[in-house]
Structure formats: C-alpha cells, structure tokens
Protein backbone atom coordinates (compact mmCIF):
# COMPACT_ATOMS: atom_id res chain seq x y z
CA MET A 1 0.00 0.00 0.00
CA ASN A 2 1.26 3.46 -0.83
CA VAL A 3 1.46 5.26 2.51
CA MET A 4 0.20 8.52 1.02
CA GLU A 5 -2.97 6.75 -0.18
CA ASN A 6 -3.67 5.58 3.36
CA ASN A 7 -6.70 7.20 5.02
CA LEU A 8 -4.88 7.36 8.36
CA VAL A 9 -2.13 9.45 6.78
CA LYS A 10 -4.66 11.63 5.00
CA TRP A 11 -6.59 12.26 8.22
CA ARG A 12 -3.38 13.03 10.12
CA TYR A 13 -2.11 15.43 7.45
CA ASP A 14 -5.51 17.11 7.03
CA ASN A 15 -5.56 17.78 10.77
CA GLY A 16 -1.94 18.92 10.97
CA LEU A 17 -0.99 16.19 13.43
CA SER A 18 2.31 14.49 14.04
CA ILE A 19 2.41 10.73 14.41
CA ALA A 20 2.67 11.16 18.19
CA ALA A 21 -0.31 13.54 18.30
CA ALA A 22 -2.47 11.29 16.12
CA ALA A 23 -1.60 8.29 18.27
CA SER A 24 -2.47 10.24 21.40
CA GLU A 25 -5.84 11.22 19.90
CA VAL A 26 -6.85 7.55 19.74
CA GLY A 27 -4.94 6.25 22.75
CA VAL A 28 -2.19 4.18 21.16
CA ALA A 29 1.59 4.34 21.07
CA PRO A 30 3.21 6.28 18.21
CA SER A 31 4.91 3.08 17.06
CA THR A 32 1.50 1.43 16.74
CA TRP A 33 0.11 4.32 14.70
CA LEU A 34 3.14 4.24 12.41
CA ALA A 35 2.77 0.49 11.89
CA TRP A 36 -0.87 1.04 10.92
CA GLU A 37 0.13 3.77 8.45
CA HIS A 38 2.68 1.48 6.85
CA GLY A 39 0.32 -1.49 6.79
CA THR A 40 2.59 -3.72 8.85
CA ARG A 41 0.01 -4.11 11.63
CA THR A 42 -3.75 -3.93 11.98
CA PRO A 43 -5.67 -3.36 15.19
CA HIS A 44 -8.08 -5.65 16.96
CA ALA A 45 -11.71 -5.06 15.95
CA SER A 46 -12.60 -3.00 19.03
CA THR A 47 -9.60 -0.72 18.53
CA ALA A 48 -10.33 -0.39 14.81
CA LYS A 49 -13.89 0.69 15.63
CA ARG A 50 -12.69 3.25 18.20
CA VAL A 51 -10.16 4.72 15.76
CA ALA A 52 -12.63 4.77 12.88
CA ASP A 53 -15.25 6.50 15.03
CA ARG A 54 -12.70 9.12 16.09
CA ILE A 55 -11.63 9.96 12.55
CA GLY A 56 -15.07 9.67 10.99
CA LEU A 57 -14.62 6.63 8.77
CA ARG A 58 -15.66 2.99 8.77
CA PRO A 59 -12.95 0.50 9.79
CA SER A 60 -13.05 -0.99 6.27
CA GLU A 61 -12.14 2.43 4.84
CA ILE A 62 -8.96 2.41 6.92
CA TRP A 63 -8.02 -1.26 6.94
CA PRO A 64 -9.42 -2.97 3.84
CA VAL A 65 -10.38 -6.60 4.27
CA ARG A 66 -7.80 -8.80 2.58
CA ARG A 67 -8.98 -12.03 1.03
C-alpha cells in the first residue's frame, strides 16, 4: 500500500498532526500508529472501531479486508 494513499495518513495530514499527536488522539503508542500507516500491523476489531469512530470513517475504509 502506498502510505500517502492511506486514510490514516490523510486524516493526520488534514488535521496537521504528528504521528505522536495522532496516536495520542486515539490512545495508542506512536509506534502502533506508524505500523498502521505502513500497513505492517492492523488493530483488533474493538480498537479499529474506536479509531474509525474518532476519525469519521468505517474501519473498512482504513483497513481494507484482505482475502
């Protein structure tokens, strides 16, 4: 995945947030946020829902289901 096409990155940039600030907004470590942006990790369903609710998207718009 191209990082710049990632909705997490777009939301963070649109809101002028650093990785640390974005992570703080949703209650995770900056390293976790960065891993999400780079697609190397995905959150548990409850965390995905919390993050999606905070940034105004559905979880599937952030972390597409891979088949």
